[in-house]
Amino acid sequence: MERMATSNVWVTERWEARAVIPDAQTQRTSKLLFDTAERAQILHTGLCIELHRDEAQGYYLNLSSPKPSLFVMWRMRERDAVPVMVTLSYDEAARLLDAGETVDAIPMPSEFGGWLAAYVAEHYRPEPKKIRKRERMTPDGRR
């Protein structure tokens, strides 16, 4: 997570997720990497990405987009931004945003792309197109 100073009178700083680094660390920790008046970065470890079969369409949509991403949902805790979860599902990220959460999109590193593509190939099945039955209307607009 990175904090950047702004020149805005009402908002003196803004936070954003900058990167997701694959790691086997499962314990939640945070480490201050650097802190200056203009910028600060904090490394948070222990976030796990879980894939769920009912999100396969969201993974597919993410992979088929022009810029596949990892989506980091984060919240302010005291004076620091703390990541709460990471998802690869385009649909789940949209639901989180609709619920008022803060979500940042980070370009997907290649090591995630291959792993996710294999999962989508195995579990995603597009829903068959439904044929709509159109009702006949009379020239005066009645059915």
N, C-alpha and C. Protein backbone atom coordinates (compact mmCIF):
# COMPACT_ATOMS: atom_id res chain seq x y z
N MET A 1 0.85 -1.17 0.00
CA MET A 1 0.00 0.00 0.00
C MET A 1 0.90 1.22 0.00
N GLU A 2 0.45 2.25 -0.72
CA GLU A 2 1.26 3.46 -0.79
C GLU A 2 0.42 4.69 -0.44
N ARG A 3 1.01 5.55 0.39
CA ARG A 3 0.42 6.84 0.73
C ARG A 3 1.15 7.91 -0.05
N MET A 4 0.38 8.81 -0.68
CA MET A 4 0.98 9.91 -1.43
C MET A 4 0.38 11.22 -0.94
N ALA A 5 1.23 12.21 -0.70
CA ALA A 5 0.76 13.52 -0.29
C ALA A 5 0.07 14.20 -1.48
N THR A 6 -0.95 15.01 -1.21
CA THR A 6 -1.64 15.76 -2.25
C THR A 6 -1.52 17.25 -1.94
N SER A 7 -1.80 18.07 -2.91
CA SER A 7 -1.77 19.51 -2.70
C SER A 7 -3.18 20.06 -2.44
N ASN A 8 -4.12 19.16 -2.18
CA ASN A 8 -5.50 19.54 -1.92
C ASN A 8 -5.64 20.05 -0.48
N VAL A 9 -6.38 21.12 -0.29
CA VAL A 9 -6.57 21.72 1.04
C VAL A 9 -7.35 20.78 1.95
N TRP A 10 -8.34 20.08 1.42
CA TRP A 10 -9.21 19.24 2.25
C TRP A 10 -8.71 17.81 2.40
N VAL A 11 -8.00 17.32 1.42
CA VAL A 11 -7.47 15.96 1.47
C VAL A 11 -5.96 16.04 1.34
N THR A 12 -5.25 15.77 2.42
CA THR A 12 -3.79 15.96 2.42
C THR A 12 -3.02 14.75 1.89
N GLU A 13 -3.70 13.58 1.82
CA GLU A 13 -3.03 12.38 1.32
C GLU A 13 -4.04 11.46 0.69
N ARG A 14 -3.52 10.56 -0.16
CA ARG A 14 -4.37 9.52 -0.73
C ARG A 14 -3.60 8.21 -0.69
N TRP A 15 -4.36 7.12 -0.59
CA TRP A 15 -3.77 5.79 -0.52
C TRP A 15 -4.18 4.99 -1.74
N GLU A 16 -3.32 4.06 -2.14
CA GLU A 16 -3.70 3.10 -3.18
C GLU A 16 -2.84 1.85 -3.06
N ALA A 17 -3.43 0.76 -3.53
CA ALA A 17 -2.68 -0.50 -3.60
C ALA A 17 -1.74 -0.39 -4.79
N ARG A 18 -0.48 -0.72 -4.61
CA ARG A 18 0.52 -0.56 -5.67
C ARG A 18 0.92 -1.87 -6.33
N ALA A 19 0.94 -2.97 -5.56
CA ALA A 19 1.41 -4.23 -6.13
C ALA A 19 0.91 -5.39 -5.28
N VAL A 20 0.84 -6.55 -5.92
CA VAL A 20 0.60 -7.81 -5.22
C VAL A 20 1.76 -8.71 -5.58
N ILE A 21 2.43 -9.20 -4.55
CA ILE A 21 3.62 -10.02 -4.74
C ILE A 21 3.31 -11.44 -4.29
N PRO A 22 3.43 -12.43 -5.17
CA PRO A 22 3.17 -13.82 -4.76
C PRO A 22 4.15 -14.23 -3.66
N ASP A 23 3.62 -14.87 -2.63
CA ASP A 23 4.43 -15.28 -1.50
C ASP A 23 3.69 -16.38 -0.76
N ALA A 24 4.41 -17.25 -0.12
CA ALA A 24 3.79 -18.35 0.64
C ALA A 24 3.48 -17.94 2.08
N GLN A 25 3.77 -16.70 2.44
CA GLN A 25 3.53 -16.21 3.80
C GLN A 25 2.04 -16.24 4.10
N THR A 26 1.64 -16.90 5.18
CA THR A 26 0.22 -16.95 5.56
C THR A 26 -0.08 -16.12 6.80
N GLN A 27 0.92 -15.70 7.50
CA GLN A 27 0.71 -14.88 8.70
C GLN A 27 0.53 -13.42 8.29
N ARG A 28 -0.53 -12.78 8.84
CA ARG A 28 -0.79 -11.39 8.52
C ARG A 28 0.19 -10.50 9.28
N THR A 29 1.02 -9.79 8.55
CA THR A 29 1.96 -8.84 9.14
C THR A 29 2.00 -7.60 8.26
N SER A 30 2.57 -6.53 8.78
CA SER A 30 2.82 -5.35 7.97
C SER A 30 4.19 -4.80 8.32
N LYS A 31 4.86 -4.27 7.29
CA LYS A 31 6.22 -3.76 7.47
C LYS A 31 6.33 -2.44 6.73
N LEU A 32 6.73 -1.40 7.43
CA LEU A 32 6.95 -0.10 6.82
C LEU A 32 8.21 -0.17 5.97
N LEU A 33 8.08 0.06 4.66
CA LEU A 33 9.23 0.01 3.76
C LEU A 33 9.96 1.35 3.74
N PHE A 34 9.22 2.43 3.66
CA PHE A 34 9.79 3.77 3.80
C PHE A 34 8.69 4.76 4.10
N ASP A 35 9.07 5.89 4.68
CA ASP A 35 8.11 6.92 5.07
C ASP A 35 8.76 8.28 4.98
N THR A 36 8.30 9.09 4.03
CA THR A 36 8.76 10.47 3.90
C THR A 36 7.52 11.36 3.95
N ALA A 37 7.71 12.65 3.89
CA ALA A 37 6.57 13.57 3.91
C ALA A 37 5.71 13.40 2.65
N GLU A 38 6.34 13.04 1.52
CA GLU A 38 5.60 12.92 0.26
C GLU A 38 5.00 11.53 0.03
N ARG A 39 5.69 10.48 0.47
CA ARG A 39 5.24 9.11 0.19
C ARG A 39 5.60 8.17 1.32
N ALA A 40 4.80 7.11 1.42
CA ALA A 40 5.13 6.01 2.33
C ALA A 40 4.63 4.73 1.68
N GLN A 41 5.33 3.63 1.94
CA GLN A 41 4.89 2.33 1.47
C GLN A 41 4.93 1.34 2.62
N ILE A 42 3.87 0.54 2.69
CA ILE A 42 3.76 -0.50 3.71
C ILE A 42 3.50 -1.82 3.01
N LEU A 43 4.29 -2.83 3.34
CA LEU A 43 4.11 -4.18 2.79
C LEU A 43 3.25 -4.98 3.75
N HIS A 44 2.14 -5.50 3.25
CA HIS A 44 1.23 -6.34 4.04
C HIS A 44 1.35 -7.76 3.53
N THR A 45 1.57 -8.70 4.43
CA THR A 45 1.69 -10.11 4.03
C THR A 45 0.51 -10.90 4.58
N GLY A 46 0.37 -12.11 4.06
CA GLY A 46 -0.60 -13.05 4.60
C GLY A 46 -1.97 -13.02 3.97
N LEU A 47 -2.17 -12.26 2.91
CA LEU A 47 -3.46 -12.28 2.21
C LEU A 47 -3.49 -13.47 1.27
N CYS A 48 -4.56 -14.22 1.28
CA CYS A 48 -4.69 -15.40 0.42
C CYS A 48 -5.71 -15.12 -0.67
N ILE A 49 -5.45 -15.65 -1.84
CA ILE A 49 -6.42 -15.58 -2.93
C ILE A 49 -7.08 -16.94 -3.02
N GLU A 50 -8.39 -16.94 -2.86
CA GLU A 50 -9.16 -18.17 -2.96
C GLU A 50 -10.01 -18.13 -4.22
N LEU A 51 -10.01 -19.23 -4.95
CA LEU A 51 -10.85 -19.33 -6.14
C LEU A 51 -12.09 -20.14 -5.80
N HIS A 52 -13.23 -19.69 -6.32
CA HIS A 52 -14.52 -20.35 -6.07
C HIS A 52 -15.19 -20.64 -7.40
N ARG A 53 -15.73 -21.83 -7.54
CA ARG A 53 -16.34 -22.22 -8.81
C ARG A 53 -17.46 -21.29 -9.24
N ASP A 54 -18.23 -20.76 -8.26
CA ASP A 54 -19.33 -19.88 -8.63
C ASP A 54 -18.86 -18.50 -9.09
N GLU A 55 -17.58 -18.24 -9.05
CA GLU A 55 -17.00 -16.99 -9.56
C GLU A 55 -16.29 -17.20 -10.89
N ALA A 56 -16.43 -18.37 -11.50
CA ALA A 56 -15.70 -18.68 -12.74
C ALA A 56 -15.98 -17.68 -13.85
N GLN A 57 -17.22 -17.20 -13.94
CA GLN A 57 -17.53 -16.21 -14.97
C GLN A 57 -16.77 -14.91 -14.71
N GLY A 58 -16.67 -14.49 -13.45
CA GLY A 58 -15.93 -13.28 -13.11
C GLY A 58 -14.45 -13.41 -13.43
N TYR A 59 -13.88 -14.60 -13.24
CA TYR A 59 -12.48 -14.84 -13.59
C TYR A 59 -12.31 -14.77 -15.12
N TYR A 60 -13.26 -15.38 -15.83
CA TYR A 60 -13.22 -15.36 -17.29
C TYR A 60 -13.29 -13.93 -17.81
N LEU A 61 -14.22 -13.14 -17.26
CA LEU A 61 -14.36 -11.74 -17.70
C LEU A 61 -13.07 -10.96 -17.44
N ASN A 62 -12.43 -11.22 -16.31
CA ASN A 62 -11.18 -10.55 -15.98
C ASN A 62 -10.10 -10.92 -17.00
N LEU A 63 -9.93 -12.22 -17.24
CA LEU A 63 -8.89 -12.68 -18.18
C LEU A 63 -9.13 -12.20 -19.60
N SER A 64 -10.39 -12.07 -20.00
CA SER A 64 -10.70 -11.68 -21.37
C SER A 64 -10.75 -10.15 -21.54
N SER A 65 -10.53 -9.40 -20.47
CA SER A 65 -10.54 -7.94 -20.56
C SER A 65 -9.21 -7.46 -21.16
N PRO A 66 -9.17 -6.23 -21.67
CA PRO A 66 -7.91 -5.71 -22.23
C PRO A 66 -6.77 -5.63 -21.21
N LYS A 67 -7.11 -5.44 -19.92
CA LYS A 67 -6.09 -5.34 -18.88
C LYS A 67 -6.47 -6.23 -17.70
N PRO A 68 -6.15 -7.53 -17.75
CA PRO A 68 -6.46 -8.40 -16.60
C PRO A 68 -5.81 -7.83 -15.33
N SER A 69 -6.56 -7.93 -14.23
CA SER A 69 -6.13 -7.29 -12.98
C SER A 69 -6.34 -8.17 -11.77
N LEU A 70 -5.63 -7.80 -10.71
CA LEU A 70 -5.93 -8.28 -9.37
C LEU A 70 -6.66 -7.13 -8.70
N PHE A 71 -7.67 -7.43 -7.92
CA PHE A 71 -8.47 -6.39 -7.28
C PHE A 71 -8.24 -6.45 -5.78
N VAL A 72 -7.74 -5.35 -5.22
CA VAL A 72 -7.43 -5.28 -3.79
C VAL A 72 -8.48 -4.41 -3.11
N MET A 73 -9.23 -5.01 -2.19
CA MET A 73 -10.18 -4.26 -1.39
C MET A 73 -9.47 -3.86 -0.10
N TRP A 74 -9.52 -2.57 0.24
CA TRP A 74 -8.83 -2.11 1.44
C TRP A 74 -9.68 -1.11 2.21
N ARG A 75 -9.33 -0.96 3.49
CA ARG A 75 -10.03 -0.04 4.39
C ARG A 75 -9.03 0.75 5.22
N MET A 76 -9.44 1.92 5.64
CA MET A 76 -8.59 2.72 6.53
C MET A 76 -8.70 2.16 7.94
N ARG A 77 -7.56 1.99 8.59
CA ARG A 77 -7.46 1.57 9.98
C ARG A 77 -6.56 2.59 10.65
N GLU A 78 -7.16 3.36 11.55
CA GLU A 78 -6.46 4.48 12.17
C GLU A 78 -5.97 5.40 11.07
N ARG A 79 -4.67 5.53 10.86
CA ARG A 79 -4.19 6.45 9.82
C ARG A 79 -3.58 5.73 8.61
N ASP A 80 -3.67 4.40 8.57
CA ASP A 80 -3.09 3.63 7.47
C ASP A 80 -4.17 2.87 6.70
N ALA A 81 -3.92 2.67 5.40
CA ALA A 81 -4.79 1.84 4.58
C ALA A 81 -4.31 0.40 4.70
N VAL A 82 -5.26 -0.51 4.95
CA VAL A 82 -4.92 -1.91 5.16
C VAL A 82 -5.73 -2.77 4.18
N PRO A 83 -5.04 -3.60 3.38
CA PRO A 83 -5.78 -4.49 2.47
C PRO A 83 -6.53 -5.55 3.26
N VAL A 84 -7.75 -5.79 2.84
CA VAL A 84 -8.61 -6.76 3.51
C VAL A 84 -8.70 -8.05 2.71
N MET A 85 -8.77 -7.91 1.39
CA MET A 85 -8.85 -9.10 0.53
C MET A 85 -8.35 -8.79 -0.86
N VAL A 86 -7.97 -9.85 -1.56
CA VAL A 86 -7.57 -9.77 -2.96
C VAL A 86 -8.42 -10.77 -3.72
N THR A 87 -8.99 -10.32 -4.83
CA THR A 87 -9.79 -11.21 -5.66
C THR A 87 -9.35 -11.09 -7.11
N LEU A 88 -9.58 -12.15 -7.86
CA LEU A 88 -9.31 -12.16 -9.30
C LEU A 88 -10.60 -12.08 -10.10
N SER A 89 -11.74 -12.00 -9.39
CA SER A 89 -13.04 -11.99 -10.04
C SER A 89 -13.49 -10.57 -10.36
N TYR A 90 -13.73 -10.33 -11.63
CA TYR A 90 -14.26 -9.04 -12.07
C TYR A 90 -15.62 -8.79 -11.43
N ASP A 91 -16.46 -9.83 -11.35
CA ASP A 91 -17.80 -9.69 -10.77
C ASP A 91 -17.73 -9.38 -9.27
N GLU A 92 -16.85 -10.06 -8.54
CA GLU A 92 -16.74 -9.82 -7.10
C GLU A 92 -16.23 -8.40 -6.84
N ALA A 93 -15.27 -7.94 -7.62
CA ALA A 93 -14.77 -6.57 -7.47
C ALA A 93 -15.89 -5.56 -7.71
N ALA A 94 -16.72 -5.81 -8.70
CA ALA A 94 -17.85 -4.92 -9.00
C ALA A 94 -18.85 -4.90 -7.84
N ARG A 95 -19.13 -6.07 -7.26
CA ARG A 95 -20.05 -6.12 -6.12
C ARG A 95 -19.49 -5.35 -4.92
N LEU A 96 -18.18 -5.47 -4.68
CA LEU A 96 -17.56 -4.74 -3.58
C LEU A 96 -17.67 -3.23 -3.81
N LEU A 97 -17.40 -2.79 -5.03
CA LEU A 97 -17.53 -1.37 -5.34
C LEU A 97 -18.97 -0.89 -5.17
N ASP A 98 -19.92 -1.71 -5.62
CA ASP A 98 -21.34 -1.37 -5.46
C ASP A 98 -21.72 -1.24 -3.99
N ALA A 99 -21.05 -1.99 -3.13
CA ALA A 99 -21.34 -1.96 -1.69
C ALA A 99 -20.62 -0.80 -0.99
N GLY A 100 -19.87 0.00 -1.75
CA GLY A 100 -19.21 1.16 -1.17
C GLY A 100 -17.80 0.91 -0.66
N GLU A 101 -17.24 -0.25 -0.95
CA GLU A 101 -15.87 -0.55 -0.52
C GLU A 101 -14.87 0.12 -1.47
N THR A 102 -13.65 0.28 -1.00
CA THR A 102 -12.57 0.82 -1.84
C THR A 102 -11.83 -0.35 -2.46
N VAL A 103 -11.76 -0.37 -3.77
CA VAL A 103 -11.10 -1.46 -4.50
C VAL A 103 -10.17 -0.84 -5.55
N ASP A 104 -8.92 -1.27 -5.53
CA ASP A 104 -7.95 -0.83 -6.54
C ASP A 104 -7.62 -2.00 -7.45
N ALA A 105 -7.52 -1.71 -8.74
CA ALA A 105 -7.12 -2.72 -9.73
C ALA A 105 -5.62 -2.59 -9.97
N ILE A 106 -4.93 -3.72 -9.92
CA ILE A 106 -3.49 -3.77 -10.15
C ILE A 106 -3.26 -4.70 -11.34
N PRO A 107 -2.42 -4.31 -12.30
CA PRO A 107 -2.15 -5.21 -13.43
C PRO A 107 -1.74 -6.60 -12.95
N MET A 108 -2.32 -7.62 -13.58
CA MET A 108 -2.09 -9.00 -13.16
C MET A 108 -0.69 -9.47 -13.58
N PRO A 109 0.12 -9.88 -12.60
CA PRO A 109 1.43 -10.46 -12.95
C PRO A 109 1.24 -11.78 -13.72
N SER A 110 2.19 -12.10 -14.58
CA SER A 110 2.06 -13.28 -15.44
C SER A 110 1.89 -14.58 -14.66
N GLU A 111 2.52 -14.69 -13.48
CA GLU A 111 2.39 -15.94 -12.72
C GLU A 111 0.95 -16.20 -12.27
N PHE A 112 0.14 -15.14 -12.13
CA PHE A 112 -1.27 -15.32 -11.79
C PHE A 112 -2.08 -15.66 -13.03
N GLY A 113 -1.72 -15.09 -14.18
CA GLY A 113 -2.49 -15.29 -15.40
C GLY A 113 -2.57 -16.74 -15.84
N GLY A 114 -1.45 -17.44 -15.84
CA GLY A 114 -1.45 -18.84 -16.25
C GLY A 114 -2.23 -19.72 -15.29
N TRP A 115 -2.07 -19.46 -14.01
CA TRP A 115 -2.77 -20.22 -12.97
C TRP A 115 -4.27 -20.02 -13.09
N LEU A 116 -4.69 -18.76 -13.29
CA LEU A 116 -6.11 -18.46 -13.40
C LEU A 116 -6.69 -19.00 -14.71
N ALA A 117 -5.94 -18.90 -15.80
CA ALA A 117 -6.42 -19.42 -17.09
C ALA A 117 -6.68 -20.92 -17.01
N ALA A 118 -5.83 -21.66 -16.32
CA ALA A 118 -6.04 -23.10 -16.15
C ALA A 118 -7.31 -23.37 -15.35
N TYR A 119 -7.55 -22.58 -14.32
CA TYR A 119 -8.75 -22.75 -13.50
C TYR A 119 -10.00 -22.45 -14.32
N VAL A 120 -9.96 -21.36 -15.09
CA VAL A 120 -11.11 -20.99 -15.91
C VAL A 120 -11.38 -22.07 -16.96
N ALA A 121 -10.35 -22.59 -17.60
CA ALA A 121 -10.52 -23.64 -18.61
C ALA A 121 -11.20 -24.87 -18.02
N GLU A 122 -10.89 -25.17 -16.78
CA GLU A 122 -11.47 -26.35 -16.14
C GLU A 122 -12.89 -26.11 -15.62
N HIS A 123 -13.19 -24.91 -15.12
CA HIS A 123 -14.44 -24.70 -14.38
C HIS A 123 -15.46 -23.77 -15.04
N TYR A 124 -15.06 -22.97 -16.01
CA TYR A 124 -16.02 -22.02 -16.59
C TYR A 124 -16.77 -22.65 -17.74
N ARG A 125 -18.08 -22.60 -17.66
CA ARG A 125 -18.96 -23.06 -18.73
C ARG A 125 -19.96 -21.94 -19.00
N PRO A 126 -19.86 -21.31 -20.17
CA PRO A 126 -20.81 -20.22 -20.47
C PRO A 126 -22.24 -20.74 -20.46
N GLU A 127 -23.14 -19.90 -19.98
CA GLU A 127 -24.55 -20.29 -19.99
C GLU A 127 -25.03 -20.29 -21.44
N PRO A 128 -25.83 -21.29 -21.80
CA PRO A 128 -26.34 -21.32 -23.18
C PRO A 128 -27.25 -20.11 -23.42
N LYS A 129 -27.18 -19.59 -24.65
CA LYS A 129 -28.03 -18.45 -24.97
C LYS A 129 -29.48 -18.87 -24.96
N LYS A 130 -30.29 -18.01 -24.40
CA LYS A 130 -31.73 -18.28 -24.34
C LYS A 130 -32.40 -17.65 -25.56
N ILE A 131 -33.28 -18.41 -26.16
CA ILE A 131 -34.01 -17.91 -27.32
C ILE A 131 -35.27 -17.24 -26.81
N ARG A 132 -35.38 -15.96 -27.11
CA ARG A 132 -36.56 -15.22 -26.67
C ARG A 132 -37.70 -15.44 -27.65
N LYS A 133 -38.84 -15.67 -27.09
CA LYS A 133 -40.02 -15.81 -27.91
C LYS A 133 -40.68 -14.43 -27.97
N ARG A 134 -40.74 -13.90 -29.16
CA ARG A 134 -41.31 -12.56 -29.32
C ARG A 134 -42.81 -12.67 -29.54
N GLU A 135 -43.51 -11.77 -28.87
CA GLU A 135 -44.97 -11.75 -29.03
C GLU A 135 -45.33 -10.91 -30.25
N ARG A 136 -46.35 -11.34 -30.93
CA ARG A 136 -46.82 -10.57 -32.09
C ARG A 136 -47.63 -9.39 -31.58
N MET A 137 -47.43 -8.28 -32.23
CA MET A 137 -48.20 -7.09 -31.88
C MET A 137 -48.99 -6.65 -33.10
N THR A 138 -50.15 -6.11 -32.84
CA THR A 138 -50.97 -5.59 -33.92
C THR A 138 -50.48 -4.19 -34.27
N PRO A 139 -50.86 -3.67 -35.42
CA PRO A 139 -50.40 -2.33 -35.81
C PRO A 139 -50.77 -1.23 -34.80
N ASP A 140 -51.83 -1.44 -34.02
CA ASP A 140 -52.21 -0.41 -33.03
C ASP A 140 -51.46 -0.61 -31.69
N GLY A 141 -50.54 -1.56 -31.62
CA GLY A 141 -49.72 -1.73 -30.42
C GLY A 141 -50.24 -2.75 -29.43
N ARG A 142 -51.35 -3.41 -29.73
CA ARG A 142 -51.86 -4.42 -28.82
C ARG A 142 -51.28 -5.77 -29.15
N ARG A 143 -51.28 -6.63 -28.16
CA ARG A 143 -50.74 -7.98 -28.34
C ARG A 143 -51.81 -8.95 -28.69
